[in-house]
C-alpha atoms as a PDB file:
ATOM      1  CA  MET A   1       0.000   0.000   0.000  1.00  0.00           C
ATOM      2  CA  ARG A   2       0.995   3.642  -0.369  1.00  0.00           C
ATOM      3  CA  VAL A   3       1.755   5.772   2.676  1.00  0.00           C
ATOM      4  CA  ALA A   4       2.818   9.383   3.179  1.00  0.00           C
ATOM      5  CA  ASN A   5       5.872   9.256   5.430  1.00  0.00           C
ATOM      6  CA  TYR A   6       6.388  12.492   7.381  1.00  0.00           C
ATOM      7  CA  TYR A   7       9.918  13.824   7.917  1.00  0.00           C
ATOM      8  CA  ASN A   8       9.004  17.493   8.373  1.00  0.00           C
ATOM      9  CA  ASN A   9       6.356  19.893   7.072  1.00  0.00           C
ATOM     10  CA  ASN A  10       8.219  20.296   3.803  1.00  0.00           C
ATOM     11  CA  ASP A  11       9.182  16.672   3.357  1.00  0.00           C
ATOM     12  CA  LEU A  12       6.407  14.098   3.080  1.00  0.00           C
ATOM     13  CA  ARG A  13       7.397  11.106   0.964  1.00  0.00           C
ATOM     14  CA  ILE A  14       5.041   8.722  -0.774  1.00  0.00           C
ATOM     15  CA  GLU A  15       6.397   5.270  -0.048  1.00  0.00           C
ATOM     16  CA  GLU A  16       5.293   1.663  -0.381  1.00  0.00           C
ATOM     17  CA  ARG A  17       4.908  -0.680   2.546  1.00  0.00           C
ATOM     18  CA  ALA A  18       3.061  -3.906   3.227  1.00  0.00           C
ATOM     19  CA  THR A  19      -0.616  -3.668   4.067  1.00  0.00           C
ATOM     20  CA  PRO A  20      -1.012  -4.495   7.786  1.00  0.00           C
ATOM     21  CA  LYS A  21      -2.063  -8.010   8.705  1.00  0.00           C
ATOM     22  CA  ILE A  22      -4.834  -8.201  11.271  1.00  0.00           C
ATOM     23  CA  ALA A  23      -5.182 -10.595  14.191  1.00  0.00           C
ATOM     24  CA  SER A  24      -8.113 -11.705  16.323  1.00  0.00           C
ATOM     25  CA  GLY A  25     -10.276  -8.808  17.465  1.00  0.00           C
ATOM     26  CA  GLU A  26      -8.778  -6.356  14.968  1.00  0.00           C
ATOM     27  CA  LEU A  27     -10.122  -4.488  11.959  1.00  0.00           C
ATOM     28  CA  LEU A  28      -8.542  -3.405   8.703  1.00  0.00           C
ATOM     29  CA  ILE A  29      -9.957  -0.129   7.390  1.00  0.00           C
ATOM     30  CA  ARG A  30      -9.534   1.219   3.879  1.00  0.00           C
ATOM     31  CA  VAL A  31      -9.041   4.925   4.467  1.00  0.00           C
ATOM     32  CA  GLU A  32     -11.250   7.009   2.204  1.00  0.00           C
ATOM     33  CA  ALA A  33     -10.648  10.377   3.880  1.00  0.00           C
ATOM     34  CA  SER A  34      -8.215  11.713   6.450  1.00  0.00           C
ATOM     35  CA  GLY A  35      -8.168  15.303   7.696  1.00  0.00           C
ATOM     36  CA  ILE A  36      -4.976  17.269   8.247  1.00  0.00           C
ATOM     37  CA  CYS A  37      -5.043  18.501  11.843  1.00  0.00           C
ATOM     38  CA  GLY A  38      -3.204  21.565  13.112  1.00  0.00           C
ATOM     39  CA  THR A  39      -1.171  19.292  15.369  1.00  0.00           C
ATOM     40  CA  ASP A  40       0.029  17.382  12.291  1.00  0.00           C
ATOM     41  CA  VAL A  41       2.036  20.457  11.260  1.00  0.00           C
ATOM     42  CA  LEU A  42       3.382  21.112  14.764  1.00  0.00           C
ATOM     43  CA  GLU A  43       6.985  20.238  13.904  1.00  0.00           C
ATOM     44  CA  TRP A  44       8.505  20.446  17.392  1.00  0.00           C
ATOM     45  CA  TYR A  45       5.908  17.932  18.607  1.00  0.00           C
ATOM     46  CA  ARG A  46       6.890  15.437  15.894  1.00  0.00           C
ATOM     47  CA  GLN A  47      10.619  15.957  15.374  1.00  0.00           C
ATOM     48  CA  ASP A  48      11.823  13.319  17.857  1.00  0.00           C
ATOM     49  CA  LYS A  49       9.583  10.644  16.332  1.00  0.00           C
ATOM     50  CA  THR A  50      10.160  11.098  12.612  1.00  0.00           C
ATOM     51  CA  PRO A  51       9.836   9.546  10.159  1.00  0.00           C
ATOM     52  CA  LEU A  52       6.245   8.582  10.936  1.00  0.00           C
ATOM     53  CA  ILE A  53       2.857   8.309   9.292  1.00  0.00           C
ATOM     54  CA  LEU A  54       0.440  10.847  10.681  1.00  0.00           C
ATOM     55  CA  GLY A  55      -3.309  11.176  10.267  1.00  0.00           C
ATOM     56  CA  HIS A  56      -5.867  10.570  13.027  1.00  0.00           C
ATOM     57  CA  GLU A  57      -9.078  12.108  11.627  1.00  0.00           C
ATOM     58  CA  ILE A  58     -10.167   9.192   9.487  1.00  0.00           C
ATOM     59  CA  ALA A  59     -13.216   7.730   7.784  1.00  0.00           C
ATOM     60  CA  GLY A  60     -13.346   4.655   5.606  1.00  0.00           C
ATOM     61  CA  GLU A  61     -14.629   1.164   5.015  1.00  0.00           C
ATOM     62  CA  ILE A  62     -13.900  -2.080   6.849  1.00  0.00           C
ATOM     63  CA  THR A  63     -12.203  -4.500   4.484  1.00  0.00           C
ATOM     64  CA  GLU A  64     -11.231  -7.265   6.932  1.00  0.00           C
ATOM     65  CA  VAL A  65     -12.760  -8.363  10.241  1.00  0.00           C
ATOM     66  CA  GLY A  66     -10.698 -10.286  12.780  1.00  0.00           C
ATOM     67  CA  SER A  67     -11.993 -13.464  14.383  1.00  0.00           C
ATOM     68  CA  GLY A  68     -14.170 -13.000  17.431  1.00  0.00           C
ATOM     69  CA  LEU A  69     -15.847  -9.828  16.169  1.00  0.00           C
ATOM     70  CA  THR A  70     -19.530 -10.175  15.347  1.00  0.00           C
ATOM     71  CA  GLN A  71     -20.704  -6.558  15.527  1.00  0.00           C
ATOM     72  CA  TYR A  72     -18.710  -5.425  12.490  1.00  0.00           C
ATOM     73  CA  LYS A  73     -18.795  -6.595   8.890  1.00  0.00           C
ATOM     74  CA  LYS A  74     -16.807  -6.226   5.712  1.00  0.00           C
ATOM     75  CA  GLY A  75     -17.948  -3.187   3.717  1.00  0.00           C
ATOM     76  CA  GLN A  76     -19.206  -1.305   6.774  1.00  0.00           C
ATOM     77  CA  ARG A  77     -18.577   2.451   6.755  1.00  0.00           C
ATOM     78  CA  VAL A  78     -16.836   3.696   9.918  1.00  0.00           C
ATOM     79  CA  SER A  79     -14.784   6.324  11.641  1.00  0.00           C
ATOM     80  CA  ALA A  80     -12.386   5.364  14.421  1.00  0.00           C
ATOM     81  CA  SER A  81     -10.312   6.719  17.297  1.00  0.00           C
ATOM     82  CA  HIS A  82      -6.553   6.454  17.311  1.00  0.00           C
ATOM     83  CA  HIS A  83      -6.548   6.922  21.114  1.00  0.00           C
ATOM     84  CA  VAL A  84      -8.946   5.202  23.548  1.00  0.00           C
ATOM     85  CA  PRO A  85      -9.173   5.385  27.365  1.00  0.00           C
ATOM     86  CA  CYS A  86      -9.365   2.261  29.520  1.00  0.00           C
ATOM     87  CA  GLY A  87     -12.437   3.396  31.473  1.00  0.00           C
ATOM     88  CA  LYS A  88     -11.158   1.862  34.716  1.00  0.00           C
ATOM     89  CA  CYS A  89      -8.172   3.847  35.983  1.00  0.00           C
ATOM     90  CA  ARG A  90      -8.201   6.695  38.497  1.00  0.00           C
ATOM     91  CA  TYR A  91      -8.187   9.253  35.688  1.00  0.00           C
ATOM     92  CA  CYS A  92     -11.124   7.703  33.839  1.00  0.00           C
ATOM     93  CA  LEU A  93     -13.145   7.266  37.021  1.00  0.00           C
ATOM     94  CA  SER A  94     -12.548  10.889  38.071  1.00  0.00           C
ATOM     95  CA  GLY A  95     -13.773  12.346  34.759  1.00  0.00           C
ATOM     96  CA  HIS A  96     -10.363  12.818  33.157  1.00  0.00           C
ATOM     97  CA  ALA A  97     -10.356   9.887  30.746  1.00  0.00           C
ATOM     98  CA  THR A  98      -8.283  11.732  28.165  1.00  0.00           C
ATOM     99  CA  VAL A  99      -5.203  11.769  30.399  1.00  0.00           C
ATOM    100  CA  CYS A 100      -5.490   8.005  30.872  1.00  0.00           C
ATOM    101  CA  ASP A 101      -2.248   6.071  30.340  1.00  0.00           C
ATOM    102  CA  THR A 102      -3.990   3.674  27.948  1.00  0.00           C
ATOM    103  CA  LEU A 103      -5.230   6.558  25.818  1.00  0.00           C
ATOM    104  CA  ARG A 104      -1.696   7.899  25.541  1.00  0.00           C
ATOM    105  CA  GLN A 105      -0.323   4.526  24.459  1.00  0.00           C
ATOM    106  CA  THR A 106      -2.912   3.438  21.873  1.00  0.00           C
ATOM    107  CA  HIS A 107      -2.621   4.341  18.193  1.00  0.00           C
ATOM    108  CA  PHE A 108      -3.397   3.370  14.601  1.00  0.00           C
ATOM    109  CA  ASP A 109      -1.165   1.137  12.527  1.00  0.00           C
ATOM    110  CA  PRO A 110       0.301   2.990  10.752  1.00  0.00           C
ATOM    111  CA  GLY A 111      -1.694   6.274  10.501  1.00  0.00           C
ATOM    112  CA  GLY A 112      -4.461   7.859   8.485  1.00  0.00           C
ATOM    113  CA  PHE A 113      -2.246   9.132   5.681  1.00  0.00           C
ATOM    114  CA  ALA A 114      -2.095   5.637   4.245  1.00  0.00           C
ATOM    115  CA  GLU A 115      -4.354   3.540   2.059  1.00  0.00           C
ATOM    116  CA  PHE A 116      -5.153   1.135   4.919  1.00  0.00           C
ATOM    117  CA  VAL A 117      -5.130   1.276   8.716  1.00  0.00           C
ATOM    118  CA  ARG A 118      -5.097  -1.613  11.151  1.00  0.00           C
ATOM    119  CA  LEU A 119      -7.212  -0.906  14.204  1.00  0.00           C
ATOM    120  CA  PRO A 120      -5.708  -2.803  17.162  1.00  0.00           C
ATOM    121  CA  ALA A 121      -7.953  -5.036  19.257  1.00  0.00           C
ATOM    122  CA  ILE A 122      -7.721  -2.716  22.267  1.00  0.00           C
ATOM    123  CA  ASN A 123      -9.141   0.181  20.210  1.00  0.00           C
ATOM    124  CA  VAL A 124     -12.007  -2.005  19.039  1.00  0.00           C
ATOM    125  CA  GLU A 125     -12.662  -3.475  22.487  1.00  0.00           C
ATOM    126  CA  LEU A 126     -12.725  -0.094  24.219  1.00  0.00           C
ATOM    127  CA  GLY A 127     -15.264   1.420  21.836  1.00  0.00           C
ATOM    128  CA  GLY A 128     -13.097   3.309  19.363  1.00  0.00           C
ATOM    129  CA  VAL A 129     -15.135   2.409  16.256  1.00  0.00           C
ATOM    130  CA  TYR A 130     -18.070   4.534  15.070  1.00  0.00           C
ATOM    131  CA  PRO A 131     -20.427   3.242  12.353  1.00  0.00           C
ATOM    132  CA  LEU A 132     -21.332   5.941   9.836  1.00  0.00           C
ATOM    133  CA  PRO A 133     -24.794   6.569   8.411  1.00  0.00           C
ATOM    134  CA  ASP A 134     -24.952   5.875   4.678  1.00  0.00           C
ATOM    135  CA  ASN A 135     -25.696   9.527   3.890  1.00  0.00           C
ATOM    136  CA  LEU A 136     -22.761  10.947   5.876  1.00  0.00           C
ATOM    137  CA  PRO A 137     -19.948  11.604   3.366  1.00  0.00           C
ATOM    138  CA  TYR A 138     -16.481  10.383   4.290  1.00  0.00           C
ATOM    139  CA  ASP A 139     -14.965  13.872   3.994  1.00  0.00           C
ATOM    140  CA  GLU A 140     -17.489  15.272   6.468  1.00  0.00           C
ATOM    141  CA  ALA A 141     -16.959  12.317   8.810  1.00  0.00           C
ATOM    142  CA  THR A 142     -13.330  13.383   9.293  1.00  0.00           C
ATOM    143  CA  PHE A 143     -14.709  16.176  11.505  1.00  0.00           C
ATOM    144  CA  ILE A 144     -15.916  13.671  14.102  1.00  0.00           C
ATOM    145  CA  GLU A 145     -12.594  13.621  15.945  1.00  0.00           C
ATOM    146  CA  PRO A 146     -11.962  17.396  16.094  1.00  0.00           C
ATOM    147  CA  LEU A 147     -15.591  18.089  16.985  1.00  0.00           C
ATOM    148  CA  ALA A 148     -15.441  15.478  19.755  1.00  0.00           C
ATOM    149  CA  CYS A 149     -12.420  17.314  21.172  1.00  0.00           C
ATOM    150  CA  ALA A 150     -14.315  20.607  21.077  1.00  0.00           C
ATOM    151  CA  LEU A 151     -17.327  19.004  22.771  1.00  0.00           C
ATOM    152  CA  ARG A 152     -15.158  17.760  25.591  1.00  0.00           C
ATOM    153  CA  GLY A 153     -13.453  21.119  25.840  1.00  0.00           C
ATOM    154  CA  GLN A 154     -16.663  23.079  26.289  1.00  0.00           C
ATOM    155  CA  LYS A 155     -17.883  20.579  28.863  1.00  0.00           C
ATOM    156  CA  LEU A 156     -14.722  20.971  30.936  1.00  0.00           C
ATOM    157  CA  ALA A 157     -14.875  24.750  30.506  1.00  0.00           C
ATOM    158  CA  LYS A 158     -18.456  24.631  31.873  1.00  0.00           C
ATOM    159  CA  MET A 159     -19.986  26.349  28.886  1.00  0.00           C
ATOM    160  CA  SER A 160     -23.687  27.051  29.488  1.00  0.00           C
ATOM    161  CA  LYS A 161     -26.609  29.010  28.115  1.00  0.00           C
ATOM    162  CA  GLY A 162     -26.397  32.774  28.380  1.00  0.00           C
ATOM    163  CA  LYS A 163     -22.617  33.102  28.553  1.00  0.00           C
ATOM    164  CA  SER A 164     -20.691  35.484  26.346  1.00  0.00           C
ATOM    165  CA  VAL A 165     -17.919  33.733  24.426  1.00  0.00           C
ATOM    166  CA  LEU A 166     -14.727  35.022  22.852  1.00  0.00           C
ATOM    167  CA  VAL A 167     -12.987  32.616  20.452  1.00  0.00           C
ATOM    168  CA  LEU A 168      -9.376  33.514  19.711  1.00  0.00           C
ATOM    169  CA  GLY A 169      -8.317  31.972  16.401  1.00  0.00           C
ATOM    170  CA  CYS A 170     -10.619  31.028  13.531  1.00  0.00           C
ATOM    171  CA  GLY A 171      -9.025  27.878  12.240  1.00  0.00           C
ATOM    172  CA  VAL A 172     -10.953  24.613  12.195  1.00  0.00           C
ATOM    173  CA  ALA A 173     -11.016  24.301  15.989  1.00  0.00           C
ATOM    174  CA  GLY A 174     -12.030  27.917  16.476  1.00  0.00           C
ATOM    175  CA  ILE A 175     -14.942  27.730  14.071  1.00  0.00           C
ATOM    176  CA  LEU A 176     -16.134  24.452  15.569  1.00  0.00           C
ATOM    177  CA  HIS A 177     -16.114  26.220  18.945  1.00  0.00           C
ATOM    178  CA  VAL A 178     -18.070  29.102  17.433  1.00  0.00           C
ATOM    179  CA  GLN A 179     -20.742  26.690  16.229  1.00  0.00           C
ATOM    180  CA  LEU A 180     -20.829  24.736  19.498  1.00  0.00           C
ATOM    181  CA  SER A 181     -21.126  27.952  21.486  1.00  0.00           C
ATOM    182  CA  ARG A 182     -24.159  28.878  19.409  1.00  0.00           C
ATOM    183  CA  LEU A 183     -25.638  25.407  19.926  1.00  0.00           C
ATOM    184  CA  ASN A 184     -24.980  25.669  23.667  1.00  0.00           C
ATOM    185  CA  GLY A 185     -26.901  28.935  23.939  1.00  0.00           C
ATOM    186  CA  ALA A 186     -24.230  31.640  24.067  1.00  0.00           C
ATOM    187  CA  SER A 187     -25.641  35.147  24.411  1.00  0.00           C
ATOM    188  CA  LEU A 188     -22.795  36.657  22.383  1.00  0.00           C
ATOM    189  CA  ILE A 189     -20.059  35.062  20.287  1.00  0.00           C
ATOM    190  CA  VAL A 190     -17.071  37.134  19.188  1.00  0.00           C
ATOM    191  CA  ALA A 191     -14.327  35.568  17.061  1.00  0.00           C
ATOM    192  CA  THR A 192     -10.852  36.919  16.328  1.00  0.00           C
ATOM    193  CA  ASP A 193      -8.120  36.192  13.824  1.00  0.00           C
ATOM    194  CA  ILE A 194      -5.594  38.010  11.643  1.00  0.00           C
ATOM    195  CA  VAL A 195      -6.954  36.618   8.355  1.00  0.00           C
ATOM    196  CA  ASP A 196     -10.119  38.173   6.926  1.00  0.00           C
ATOM    197  CA  TYR A 197     -10.971  35.013   4.992  1.00  0.00           C
ATOM    198  CA  ARG A 198     -11.277  33.071   8.231  1.00  0.00           C
ATOM    199  CA  LEU A 199     -13.204  35.807   9.996  1.00  0.00           C
ATOM    200  CA  LYS A 200     -15.738  35.850   7.171  1.00  0.00           C
ATOM    201  CA  LEU A 201     -16.316  32.118   7.549  1.00  0.00           C
ATOM    202  CA  ALA A 202     -16.635  32.456  11.326  1.00  0.00           C
ATOM    203  CA  LYS A 203     -19.370  35.058  10.829  1.00  0.00           C
ATOM    204  CA  GLN A 204     -21.100  32.840   8.274  1.00  0.00           C
ATOM    205  CA  LEU A 205     -21.122  29.913  10.696  1.00  0.00           C
ATOM    206  CA  GLY A 206     -22.361  31.600  13.827  1.00  0.00           C
ATOM    207  CA  ALA A 207     -20.221  34.418  15.228  1.00  0.00           C
ATOM    208  CA  ASP A 208     -22.154  37.568  16.127  1.00  0.00           C
ATOM    209  CA  ALA A 209     -19.098  39.710  15.519  1.00  0.00           C
ATOM    210  CA  THR A 210     -15.505  39.320  14.403  1.00  0.00           C
ATOM    211  CA  ILE A 211     -12.346  41.249  15.193  1.00  0.00           C
ATOM    212  CA  ASN A 212      -9.211  41.393  13.088  1.00  0.00           C
ATOM    213  CA  VAL A 213      -6.663  41.861  15.858  1.00  0.00           C
ATOM    214  CA  LYS A 214      -4.113  43.265  13.415  1.00  0.00           C
ATOM    215  CA  ARG A 215      -6.357  46.267  12.818  1.00  0.00           C
ATOM    216  CA  GLU A 216      -8.499  46.610  15.929  1.00  0.00           C
ATOM    217  CA  ASP A 217      -7.881  46.892  19.656  1.00  0.00           C
ATOM    218  CA  LEU A 218      -9.318  43.680  21.094  1.00  0.00           C
ATOM    219  CA  PRO A 219     -10.215  44.779  24.662  1.00  0.00           C
ATOM    220  CA  LYS A 220     -11.732  48.042  23.415  1.00  0.00           C
ATOM    221  CA  ARG A 221     -13.813  46.399  20.664  1.00  0.00           C
ATOM    222  CA  LEU A 222     -14.918  43.557  22.941  1.00  0.00           C
ATOM    223  CA  GLY A 223     -16.061  46.103  25.516  1.00  0.00           C
ATOM    224  CA  GLU A 224     -18.097  47.898  22.865  1.00  0.00           C
ATOM    225  CA  LEU A 225     -19.759  44.640  21.865  1.00  0.00           C
ATOM    226  CA  ASN A 226     -20.338  43.308  25.379  1.00  0.00           C
ATOM    227  CA  LYS A 227     -21.539  46.265  27.457  1.00  0.00           C
ATOM    228  CA  ALA A 228     -18.063  47.191  28.719  1.00  0.00           C
ATOM    229  CA  ARG A 229     -17.452  43.675  29.990  1.00  0.00           C
ATOM    230  CA  GLY A 230     -15.021  40.935  29.094  1.00  0.00           C
ATOM    231  CA  ALA A 231     -16.186  37.515  27.924  1.00  0.00           C
ATOM    232  CA  ASP A 232     -17.506  34.926  30.363  1.00  0.00           C
ATOM    233  CA  LEU A 233     -15.636  32.235  28.436  1.00  0.00           C
ATOM    234  CA  VAL A 234     -12.494  32.878  26.409  1.00  0.00           C
ATOM    235  CA  ILE A 235     -11.483  29.963  24.176  1.00  0.00           C
ATOM    236  CA  VAL A 236      -7.881  30.082  22.973  1.00  0.00           C
ATOM    237  CA  ALA A 237      -7.953  28.153  19.684  1.00  0.00           C
ATOM    238  CA  THR A 238      -4.556  29.304  18.437  1.00  0.00           C
ATOM    239  CA  GLY A 239      -1.069  28.757  19.754  1.00  0.00           C
ATOM    240  CA  ALA A 240       0.008  32.364  19.136  1.00  0.00           C
ATOM    241  CA  GLU A 241       1.643  33.954  22.180  1.00  0.00           C
ATOM    242  CA  SER A 242      -0.237  37.196  21.589  1.00  0.00           C
ATOM    243  CA  ALA A 243      -3.575  35.370  21.723  1.00  0.00           C
ATOM    244  CA  ASN A 244      -2.710  33.592  24.948  1.00  0.00           C
ATOM    245  CA  MET A 245      -1.775  36.929  26.495  1.00  0.00           C
ATOM    246  CA  ALA A 246      -4.896  38.624  25.140  1.00  0.00           C
ATOM    247  CA  ALA A 247      -7.082  35.912  26.659  1.00  0.00           C
ATOM    248  CA  LEU A 248      -6.084  36.928  30.171  1.00  0.00           C
ATOM    249  CA  GLN A 249      -6.909  40.552  29.375  1.00  0.00           C
ATOM    250  CA  SER A 250     -10.296  39.735  27.830  1.00  0.00           C
ATOM    251  CA  VAL A 251     -12.002  37.531  30.400  1.00  0.00           C
ATOM    252  CA  GLU A 252     -14.753  38.840  32.658  1.00  0.00           C
ATOM    253  CA  ARG A 253     -14.568  38.602  36.451  1.00  0.00           C
ATOM    254  CA  GLY A 254     -15.672  35.120  37.468  1.00  0.00           C
ATOM    255  CA  GLY A 255     -15.053  33.865  33.933  1.00  0.00           C
ATOM    256  CA  CYS A 256     -12.946  31.120  32.405  1.00  0.00           C
ATOM    257  CA  VAL A 257      -9.968  31.128  30.059  1.00  0.00           C
ATOM    258  CA  PHE A 258      -9.904  27.838  28.214  1.00  0.00           C
ATOM    259  CA  PHE A 259      -6.620  26.842  26.561  1.00  0.00           C
ATOM    260  CA  PHE A 260      -7.487  24.541  23.663  1.00  0.00           C
ATOM    261  CA  ALA A 261      -4.553  24.837  21.248  1.00  0.00           C
ATOM    262  CA  ALA A 262      -0.952  23.701  21.518  1.00  0.00           C
ATOM    263  CA  THR A 263       1.662  26.454  21.385  1.00  0.00           C
ATOM    264  CA  ALA A 264       5.255  26.769  20.258  1.00  0.00           C
ATOM    265  CA  LYS A 265       7.586  24.581  22.299  1.00  0.00           C
ATOM    266  CA  GLY A 266       8.341  25.998  25.715  1.00  0.00           C
ATOM    267  CA  LEU A 267       5.976  28.973  25.498  1.00  0.00           C
ATOM    268  CA  THR A 268       5.209  30.535  28.871  1.00  0.00           C
ATOM    269  CA  ILE A 269       3.113  33.567  29.747  1.00  0.00           C
ATOM    270  CA  PRO A 270       3.243  35.749  32.879  1.00  0.00           C
ATOM    271  CA  LEU A 271       0.293  35.694  35.269  1.00  0.00           C
ATOM    272  CA  SER A 272      -0.698  38.199  37.922  1.00  0.00           C
ATOM    273  CA  ILE A 273      -1.811  36.114  40.876  1.00  0.00           C
ATOM    274  CA  ASN A 274      -3.703  39.055  42.373  1.00  0.00           C
ATOM    275  CA  ASP A 275      -5.498  40.207  39.235  1.00  0.00           C
ATOM    276  CA  THR A 276      -6.113  36.806  37.688  1.00  0.00           C
ATOM    277  CA  PHE A 277      -6.983  34.696  40.700  1.00  0.00           C
ATOM    278  CA  TRP A 278      -7.291  36.446  44.037  1.00  0.00           C
ATOM    279  CA  ARG A 279      -9.266  39.510  42.994  1.00  0.00           C
ATOM    280  CA  ASN A 280     -11.200  38.305  39.959  1.00  0.00           C
ATOM    281  CA  GLU A 281     -11.860  34.597  40.524  1.00  0.00           C
ATOM    282  CA  ILE A 282     -10.756  33.624  37.031  1.00  0.00           C
ATOM    283  CA  THR A 283     -10.609  29.940  36.157  1.00  0.00           C
ATOM    284  CA  LEU A 284      -7.933  28.606  33.808  1.00  0.00           C
ATOM    285  CA  SER A 285      -8.868  25.356  32.107  1.00  0.00           C
ATOM    286  CA  SER A 286      -7.733  23.030  29.318  1.00  0.00           C
ATOM    287  CA  SER A 287      -8.543  19.730  27.650  1.00  0.00           C
ATOM    288  CA  TYR A 288      -6.919  17.107  25.477  1.00  0.00           C
ATOM    289  CA  ALA A 289      -8.473  14.627  23.024  1.00  0.00           C
ATOM    290  CA  ALA A 290     -11.932  13.071  23.540  1.00  0.00           C
ATOM    291  CA  THR A 291     -13.676   9.910  24.707  1.00  0.00           C
ATOM    292  CA  PRO A 292     -15.600   7.426  22.533  1.00  0.00           C
ATOM    293  CA  GLN A 293     -18.851   8.836  23.922  1.00  0.00           C
ATOM    294  CA  GLU A 294     -17.909  12.296  22.699  1.00  0.00           C
ATOM    295  CA  HIS A 295     -17.010  10.896  19.281  1.00  0.00           C
ATOM    296  CA  LEU A 296     -20.480   9.356  19.015  1.00  0.00           C
ATOM    297  CA  ALA A 297     -22.085  12.640  20.067  1.00  0.00           C
ATOM    298  CA  ALA A 298     -19.997  14.505  17.474  1.00  0.00           C
ATOM    299  CA  ARG A 299     -20.986  12.033  14.761  1.00  0.00           C
ATOM    300  CA  ASP A 300     -24.659  12.589  15.515  1.00  0.00           C
ATOM    301  CA  LEU A 301     -24.351  16.389  15.529  1.00  0.00           C
ATOM    302  CA  ILE A 302     -22.685  16.309  12.116  1.00  0.00           C
ATOM    303  CA  HIS A 303     -25.174  13.820  10.713  1.00  0.00           C
ATOM    304  CA  ARG A 304     -28.128  15.926  11.905  1.00  0.00           C
ATOM    305  CA  HIS A 305     -26.495  19.094  10.493  1.00  0.00           C
ATOM    306  CA  LYS A 306     -26.489  20.699  13.937  1.00  0.00           C
ATOM    307  CA  ILE A 307     -22.842  21.484  13.267  1.00  0.00           C
ATOM    308  CA  ARG A 308     -22.121  22.540   9.699  1.00  0.00           C
ATOM    309  CA  VAL A 309     -18.875  21.077   8.395  1.00  0.00           C
ATOM    310  CA  LYS A 310     -19.354  20.900   4.630  1.00  0.00           C
ATOM    311  CA  GLU A 311     -18.772  24.649   4.323  1.00  0.00           C
ATOM    312  CA  MET A 312     -15.491  24.280   6.202  1.00  0.00           C
ATOM    313  CA  ILE A 313     -13.907  21.932   3.657  1.00  0.00           C
ATOM    314  CA  THR A 314     -11.846  24.062   1.290  1.00  0.00           C
ATOM    315  CA  HIS A 315      -9.396  21.603  -0.268  1.00  0.00           C
ATOM    316  CA  SER A 316      -8.994  17.890  -0.881  1.00  0.00           C
ATOM    317  CA  PHE A 317      -6.031  16.037  -2.349  1.00  0.00           C
ATOM    318  CA  GLY A 318      -5.057  12.532  -3.328  1.00  0.00           C
ATOM    319  CA  LEU A 319      -2.255  10.997  -1.304  1.00  0.00           C
ATOM    320  CA  ASP A 320       0.371  11.952  -3.892  1.00  0.00           C
ATOM    321  CA  LYS A 321      -0.518  15.648  -3.407  1.00  0.00           C
ATOM    322  CA  ILE A 322      -0.416  15.614   0.397  1.00  0.00           C
ATOM    323  CA  GLN A 323       2.563  17.987   0.452  1.00  0.00           C
ATOM    324  CA  GLN A 324       0.345  20.717  -1.017  1.00  0.00           C
ATOM    325  CA  GLY A 325      -2.171  20.085   1.733  1.00  0.00           C
ATOM    326  CA  PHE A 326       0.449  20.437   4.455  1.00  0.00           C
ATOM    327  CA  GLN A 327       1.648  23.695   2.919  1.00  0.00           C
ATOM    328  CA  LEU A 328      -1.897  25.101   3.007  1.00  0.00           C
ATOM    329  CA  VAL A 329      -2.406  24.132   6.648  1.00  0.00           C
ATOM    330  CA  THR A 330       1.004  25.492   7.633  1.00  0.00           C
ATOM    331  CA  LYS A 331       0.400  28.856   5.949  1.00  0.00           C
ATOM    332  CA  ALA A 332      -3.120  29.133   7.467  1.00  0.00           C
ATOM    333  CA  LYS A 333      -4.325  31.757   5.023  1.00  0.00           C
ATOM    334  CA  GLU A 334      -7.183  31.206   2.567  1.00  0.00           C
ATOM    335  CA  SER A 335      -7.921  27.637   3.498  1.00  0.00           C
ATOM    336  CA  MET A 336      -9.809  25.882   6.250  1.00  0.00           C
ATOM    337  CA  LYS A 337     -10.195  22.117   6.389  1.00  0.00           C
ATOM    338  CA  VAL A 338      -7.850  20.210   4.103  1.00  0.00           C
ATOM    339  CA  ILE A 339      -8.735  16.573   3.422  1.00  0.00           C
ATOM    340  CA  VAL A 340      -6.523  13.808   2.079  1.00  0.00           C
ATOM    341  CA  ASN A 341      -8.213  11.029   0.081  1.00  0.00           C
ATOM    342  CA  PRO A 342      -5.692   8.143   0.102  1.00  0.00           C
ATOM    343  CA  GLN A 343      -7.552   6.065  -2.501  1.00  0.00           C
ATOM    344  CA  LYS A 344      -7.168   8.783  -5.172  1.00  0.00           C
END
């Protein structure tokens, strides 16, 4: 089979390797679509593990079913999780399943930027397979994983009806958070970015107002939009240092700053203990990944068109053109979701 082997953002090589052989309890999936995630282009996060085959936002068709599995069949359309929690450890039982040791050790073989993926028995056993409705296109199904992560994020950030929300960064994650905030009953949604193309799409998909932070003063404009108050929930959906700093200056007393995006390696930001915590009762929160239950919830939201993802797909490439896709995601200009179709 063909795979796209990642060495760095400017060096992805199409190579041949044997199609994985499955064992009892495993599945072989023919990958029809695989989304390029922002973390896929986070070079510092990958550099010690290269070369490797990335791709975790997949959708495809089961082509082989291991012995002992009766609930799956050849030809079935599915999405799947590359990471799954055990459901039994102290982290899982305390509501923090996505920091479970099992979740951090499970993975696809080899990765979604390949023609086929072997799903290990532990992934299957722990619920990491999600049957797809016949009328849910594969490209749209690649949003299940990122939307599941956003669902978990808003739950941990205690998003609720009536809150004002500021989303910093209008990439895929940011716009999914815009849509979820609308679905969760936000009273006001303001989105920021430095690219007008992305701000336009954020407005189209649910933001009440947008701010280009290259041209406008964020605290001043937010105050004008929100009755001289900061936002009850600030979602940081970009790794930019300036955005992480701005988040602390834009949150309302008693509000929450939710750090959703990875940053440059080693990034730190100064905090005023008095102003951030003691005087203003600000909560700082974060999340990582998602559980199988959140994947199923995300699938259903996409299928029912409660979250609009079709409009977010701007580019798709066959596996041999994956380098172009990585360049688009790295530049983060006039593109949004970039999909790789390994069978083309």
